[in-house]
C-alpha atoms as a PDB file:
ATOM      1  CA  MET A   1     -19.229  17.055  35.683  1.00  0.00           C
ATOM      2  CA  SER A   2     -16.382  14.809  36.679  1.00  0.00           C
ATOM      3  CA  ILE A   3     -17.063  11.254  35.565  1.00  0.00           C
ATOM      4  CA  LEU A   4     -16.176   8.586  38.111  1.00  0.00           C
ATOM      5  CA  GLU A   5     -17.416   5.595  36.120  1.00  0.00           C
ATOM      6  CA  THR A   6     -19.163   4.926  32.812  1.00  0.00           C
ATOM      7  CA  ARG A   7     -21.276   1.977  31.743  1.00  0.00           C
ATOM      8  CA  ARG A   8     -22.768   1.368  28.294  1.00  0.00           C
ATOM      9  CA  LEU A   9     -25.937  -0.560  27.557  1.00  0.00           C
ATOM     10  CA  LEU A  10     -27.974  -1.486  24.516  1.00  0.00           C
ATOM     11  CA  TRP A  11     -31.731  -1.521  24.895  1.00  0.00           C
ATOM     12  CA  PRO A  12     -33.113  -3.543  21.962  1.00  0.00           C
ATOM     13  CA  ASP A  13     -36.657  -2.331  22.634  1.00  0.00           C
ATOM     14  CA  GLU A  14     -38.830  -0.376  25.059  1.00  0.00           C
ATOM     15  CA  GLY A  15     -39.178  -3.467  27.238  1.00  0.00           C
ATOM     16  CA  ALA A  16     -35.458  -3.259  27.986  1.00  0.00           C
ATOM     17  CA  ALA A  17     -35.887   0.376  29.071  1.00  0.00           C
ATOM     18  CA  GLN A  18     -38.727  -0.702  31.337  1.00  0.00           C
ATOM     19  CA  ASP A  19     -36.608  -3.516  32.814  1.00  0.00           C
ATOM     20  CA  PHE A  20     -33.801  -1.017  33.470  1.00  0.00           C
ATOM     21  CA  ALA A  21     -36.252   1.362  35.184  1.00  0.00           C
ATOM     22  CA  VAL A  22     -37.533  -1.438  37.429  1.00  0.00           C
ATOM     23  CA  SER A  23     -33.942  -2.346  38.384  1.00  0.00           C
ATOM     24  CA  LEU A  24     -33.062   1.297  39.055  1.00  0.00           C
ATOM     25  CA  ALA A  25     -36.179   1.746  41.214  1.00  0.00           C
ATOM     26  CA  ARG A  26     -34.914  -1.013  43.522  1.00  0.00           C
ATOM     27  CA  VAL A  27     -31.490   0.563  44.121  1.00  0.00           C
ATOM     28  CA  PRO A  28     -30.971   1.873  47.677  1.00  0.00           C
ATOM     29  CA  GLY A  29     -30.263   5.588  47.772  1.00  0.00           C
ATOM     30  CA  LEU A  30     -32.128   6.362  44.564  1.00  0.00           C
ATOM     31  CA  MET A  31     -34.688   8.551  46.315  1.00  0.00           C
ATOM     32  CA  ASN A  32     -32.001  11.113  47.182  1.00  0.00           C
ATOM     33  CA  ALA A  33     -30.368  11.166  43.749  1.00  0.00           C
ATOM     34  CA  SER A  34     -30.229  13.798  41.047  1.00  0.00           C
ATOM     35  CA  ILE A  35     -30.369  12.188  37.605  1.00  0.00           C
ATOM     36  CA  GLU A  36     -29.869  14.009  34.323  1.00  0.00           C
ATOM     37  CA  LEU A  37     -31.333  12.582  31.122  1.00  0.00           C
ATOM     38  CA  HIS A  38     -29.666  13.550  27.860  1.00  0.00           C
ATOM     39  CA  GLY A  39     -30.692  12.758  24.306  1.00  0.00           C
ATOM     40  CA  SER A  40     -32.327  14.216  21.235  1.00  0.00           C
ATOM     41  CA  LEU A  41     -36.068  14.653  20.791  1.00  0.00           C
ATOM     42  CA  GLY A  42     -37.667  11.219  20.684  1.00  0.00           C
ATOM     43  CA  ALA A  43     -34.667   9.420  22.160  1.00  0.00           C
ATOM     44  CA  GLY A  44     -36.743   8.004  25.019  1.00  0.00           C
ATOM     45  CA  LYS A  45     -35.989  10.239  28.009  1.00  0.00           C
ATOM     46  CA  THR A  46     -39.615  10.773  29.027  1.00  0.00           C
ATOM     47  CA  THR A  47     -40.456   7.134  28.318  1.00  0.00           C
ATOM     48  CA  LEU A  48     -37.705   6.045  30.701  1.00  0.00           C
ATOM     49  CA  VAL A  49     -38.941   8.484  33.363  1.00  0.00           C
ATOM     50  CA  ARG A  50     -42.496   7.160  33.010  1.00  0.00           C
ATOM     51  CA  HIS A  51     -41.300   3.586  33.488  1.00  0.00           C
ATOM     52  CA  LEU A  52     -39.229   4.641  36.510  1.00  0.00           C
ATOM     53  CA  LEU A  53     -42.095   6.567  38.110  1.00  0.00           C
ATOM     54  CA  ARG A  54     -44.405   3.591  37.621  1.00  0.00           C
ATOM     55  CA  ALA A  55     -41.788   1.270  39.152  1.00  0.00           C
ATOM     56  CA  LEU A  56     -41.532   3.638  42.136  1.00  0.00           C
ATOM     57  CA  GLY A  57     -45.289   3.449  42.669  1.00  0.00           C
ATOM     58  CA  VAL A  58     -46.594   6.652  41.103  1.00  0.00           C
ATOM     59  CA  PRO A  59     -50.292   6.007  40.436  1.00  0.00           C
ATOM     60  CA  GLY A  60     -52.434   7.509  37.707  1.00  0.00           C
ATOM     61  CA  ARG A  61     -51.317   9.378  34.632  1.00  0.00           C
ATOM     62  CA  VAL A  62     -47.689  10.395  34.383  1.00  0.00           C
ATOM     63  CA  LYS A  63     -47.550  13.690  32.490  1.00  0.00           C
ATOM     64  CA  SER A  64     -44.571  15.130  30.682  1.00  0.00           C
ATOM     65  CA  PRO A  65     -43.521  18.456  32.234  1.00  0.00           C
ATOM     66  CA  SER A  66     -42.764  19.963  28.811  1.00  0.00           C
ATOM     67  CA  TYR A  67     -45.096  22.920  29.413  1.00  0.00           C
ATOM     68  CA  THR A  68     -45.167  23.088  33.207  1.00  0.00           C
ATOM     69  CA  VAL A  69     -41.371  22.541  33.491  1.00  0.00           C
ATOM     70  CA  MET A  70     -41.827  20.507  36.694  1.00  0.00           C
ATOM     71  CA  GLU A  71     -44.179  17.760  37.829  1.00  0.00           C
ATOM     72  CA  ALA A  72     -44.040  16.746  41.491  1.00  0.00           C
ATOM     73  CA  TYR A  73     -44.984  13.316  42.830  1.00  0.00           C
ATOM     74  CA  GLU A  74     -45.142  11.819  46.290  1.00  0.00           C
ATOM     75  CA  VAL A  75     -44.662   8.101  46.934  1.00  0.00           C
ATOM     76  CA  PRO A  76     -44.184   6.336  50.290  1.00  0.00           C
ATOM     77  CA  SER A  77     -40.400   6.419  49.826  1.00  0.00           C
ATOM     78  CA  GLY A  78     -40.379  10.207  49.336  1.00  0.00           C
ATOM     79  CA  PRO A  79     -40.876  13.110  46.926  1.00  0.00           C
ATOM     80  CA  ILE A  80     -39.985  12.998  43.244  1.00  0.00           C
ATOM     81  CA  SER A  81     -39.489  16.044  41.018  1.00  0.00           C
ATOM     82  CA  HIS A  82     -39.477  15.572  37.240  1.00  0.00           C
ATOM     83  CA  PHE A  83     -38.117  18.533  35.275  1.00  0.00           C
ATOM     84  CA  ASP A  84     -38.077  19.282  31.552  1.00  0.00           C
ATOM     85  CA  PHE A  85     -35.980  22.338  30.743  1.00  0.00           C
ATOM     86  CA  TYR A  86     -36.466  22.098  26.954  1.00  0.00           C
ATOM     87  CA  ARG A  87     -38.368  25.386  26.738  1.00  0.00           C
ATOM     88  CA  PHE A  88     -35.804  27.394  28.698  1.00  0.00           C
ATOM     89  CA  ASN A  89     -34.138  30.110  26.642  1.00  0.00           C
ATOM     90  CA  GLU A  90     -31.380  30.775  29.151  1.00  0.00           C
ATOM     91  CA  PRO A  91     -30.081  29.037  32.285  1.00  0.00           C
ATOM     92  CA  ARG A  92     -31.142  31.909  34.608  1.00  0.00           C
ATOM     93  CA  GLU A  93     -34.775  30.868  34.093  1.00  0.00           C
ATOM     94  CA  TRP A  94     -33.990  27.893  36.369  1.00  0.00           C
ATOM     95  CA  GLU A  95     -33.199  30.172  39.293  1.00  0.00           C
ATOM     96  CA  ASP A  96     -36.013  32.582  38.487  1.00  0.00           C
ATOM     97  CA  ALA A  97     -38.449  29.653  38.694  1.00  0.00           C
ATOM     98  CA  GLY A  98     -37.293  28.874  42.247  1.00  0.00           C
ATOM     99  CA  PHE A  99     -35.852  25.450  41.470  1.00  0.00           C
ATOM    100  CA  ARG A 100     -32.784  26.025  43.652  1.00  0.00           C
ATOM    101  CA  ASP A 101     -35.034  25.386  46.672  1.00  0.00           C
ATOM    102  CA  VAL A 102     -36.371  22.153  45.186  1.00  0.00           C
ATOM    103  CA  PHE A 103     -32.852  20.844  44.584  1.00  0.00           C
ATOM    104  CA  THR A 104     -31.835  21.504  48.205  1.00  0.00           C
ATOM    105  CA  GLN A 105     -34.731  19.418  49.554  1.00  0.00           C
ATOM    106  CA  PRO A 106     -34.667  15.626  49.951  1.00  0.00           C
ATOM    107  CA  GLY A 107     -36.086  13.550  47.128  1.00  0.00           C
ATOM    108  CA  LEU A 108     -35.386  12.191  43.675  1.00  0.00           C
ATOM    109  CA  LYS A 109     -34.758  14.772  40.955  1.00  0.00           C
ATOM    110  CA  LEU A 110     -35.071  13.757  37.294  1.00  0.00           C
ATOM    111  CA  SER A 111     -33.981  16.424  34.794  1.00  0.00           C
ATOM    112  CA  GLU A 112     -34.578  16.283  31.063  1.00  0.00           C
ATOM    113  CA  TRP A 113     -32.679  18.751  28.875  1.00  0.00           C
ATOM    114  CA  PRO A 114     -30.303  19.772  31.715  1.00  0.00           C
ATOM    115  CA  GLU A 115     -28.041  21.519  29.208  1.00  0.00           C
ATOM    116  CA  LYS A 116     -30.703  24.259  29.033  1.00  0.00           C
ATOM    117  CA  ALA A 117     -29.957  25.019  32.719  1.00  0.00           C
ATOM    118  CA  VAL A 118     -26.190  24.570  32.518  1.00  0.00           C
ATOM    119  CA  GLY A 119     -24.290  26.197  35.356  1.00  0.00           C
ATOM    120  CA  MET A 120     -27.395  26.335  37.538  1.00  0.00           C
ATOM    121  CA  LEU A 121     -28.030  22.679  38.356  1.00  0.00           C
ATOM    122  CA  PRO A 122     -26.073  21.016  41.133  1.00  0.00           C
ATOM    123  CA  PRO A 123     -23.776  18.181  40.009  1.00  0.00           C
ATOM    124  CA  ALA A 124     -25.735  15.142  38.879  1.00  0.00           C
ATOM    125  CA  ASP A 125     -25.229  11.862  40.674  1.00  0.00           C
ATOM    126  CA  LEU A 126     -26.011   9.994  37.478  1.00  0.00           C
ATOM    127  CA  CYS A 127     -26.229  11.074  33.844  1.00  0.00           C
ATOM    128  CA  ILE A 128     -28.160   8.876  31.448  1.00  0.00           C
ATOM    129  CA  ARG A 129     -27.453   9.523  27.769  1.00  0.00           C
ATOM    130  CA  ILE A 130     -29.884   7.888  25.365  1.00  0.00           C
ATOM    131  CA  GLU A 131     -29.323   7.669  21.632  1.00  0.00           C
ATOM    132  CA  ALA A 132     -31.973   6.274  19.293  1.00  0.00           C
ATOM    133  CA  LEU A 133     -30.529   3.897  16.716  1.00  0.00           C
ATOM    134  CA  ASP A 134     -31.976   3.133  13.276  1.00  0.00           C
ATOM    135  CA  ASP A 135     -34.338   0.480  14.608  1.00  0.00           C
ATOM    136  CA  ASP A 136     -36.259   0.626  17.902  1.00  0.00           C
ATOM    137  CA  SER A 137     -33.095   0.083  19.923  1.00  0.00           C
ATOM    138  CA  ARG A 138     -31.280   2.609  22.091  1.00  0.00           C
ATOM    139  CA  GLN A 139     -27.604   3.034  22.899  1.00  0.00           C
ATOM    140  CA  VAL A 140     -27.392   4.115  26.544  1.00  0.00           C
ATOM    141  CA  GLU A 141     -24.468   5.523  28.486  1.00  0.00           C
ATOM    142  CA  LEU A 142     -24.613   5.778  32.269  1.00  0.00           C
ATOM    143  CA  GLN A 143     -22.141   8.146  33.920  1.00  0.00           C
ATOM    144  CA  ALA A 144     -21.630   8.332  37.672  1.00  0.00           C
ATOM    145  CA  GLY A 145     -20.611  11.819  38.776  1.00  0.00           C
ATOM    146  CA  THR A 146     -20.669  11.444  42.559  1.00  0.00           C
ATOM    147  CA  PRO A 147     -20.151   8.735  45.186  1.00  0.00           C
ATOM    148  CA  LEU A 148     -23.941   8.257  45.230  1.00  0.00           C
ATOM    149  CA  GLY A 149     -23.866   7.836  41.451  1.00  0.00           C
ATOM    150  CA  LEU A 150     -21.139   5.202  41.847  1.00  0.00           C
ATOM    151  CA  ALA A 151     -23.287   3.384  44.389  1.00  0.00           C
ATOM    152  CA  LEU A 152     -26.275   3.503  42.029  1.00  0.00           C
ATOM    153  CA  LEU A 153     -24.223   2.080  39.165  1.00  0.00           C
ATOM    154  CA  GLY A 154     -22.697  -0.553  41.404  1.00  0.00           C
ATOM    155  CA  ALA A 155     -26.102  -1.764  42.565  1.00  0.00           C
ATOM    156  CA  LEU A 156     -27.503  -2.174  39.053  1.00  0.00           C
ATOM    157  CA  PRO A 157     -27.397  -5.655  37.493  1.00  0.00           C
END
């Protein structure tokens, strides 16, 4: 991925992650973005996705796609696909599962553990790297990889 711009944040607590998700949900163009979430187990990737889905209006329980690999949602602004590739043993499983078709359709794509599908995923508009620190805080790096990613970064407070 070519990186067009990078921004670093510190989330002192989960409330800061939720505030970020609410801000991101308001950004024009988000519903056509592909966002990769990177970080170790327990870093907060799924927590961030849950906050974002809630901010986008997803009702009911938001499940982690750890076992199903993909959870699909529909909100008035469009479709959302949440992927978790953690259980993939090789990148070809992505294509075998038929996800190429999903990524060519309109809608927001959120991918956890994208490195497990390396070489198969289209370029991400935005990469979010989350690192858990010793306390409850998180070091976050946002990387824009496309013009849409730049627009997303530019619209965030």
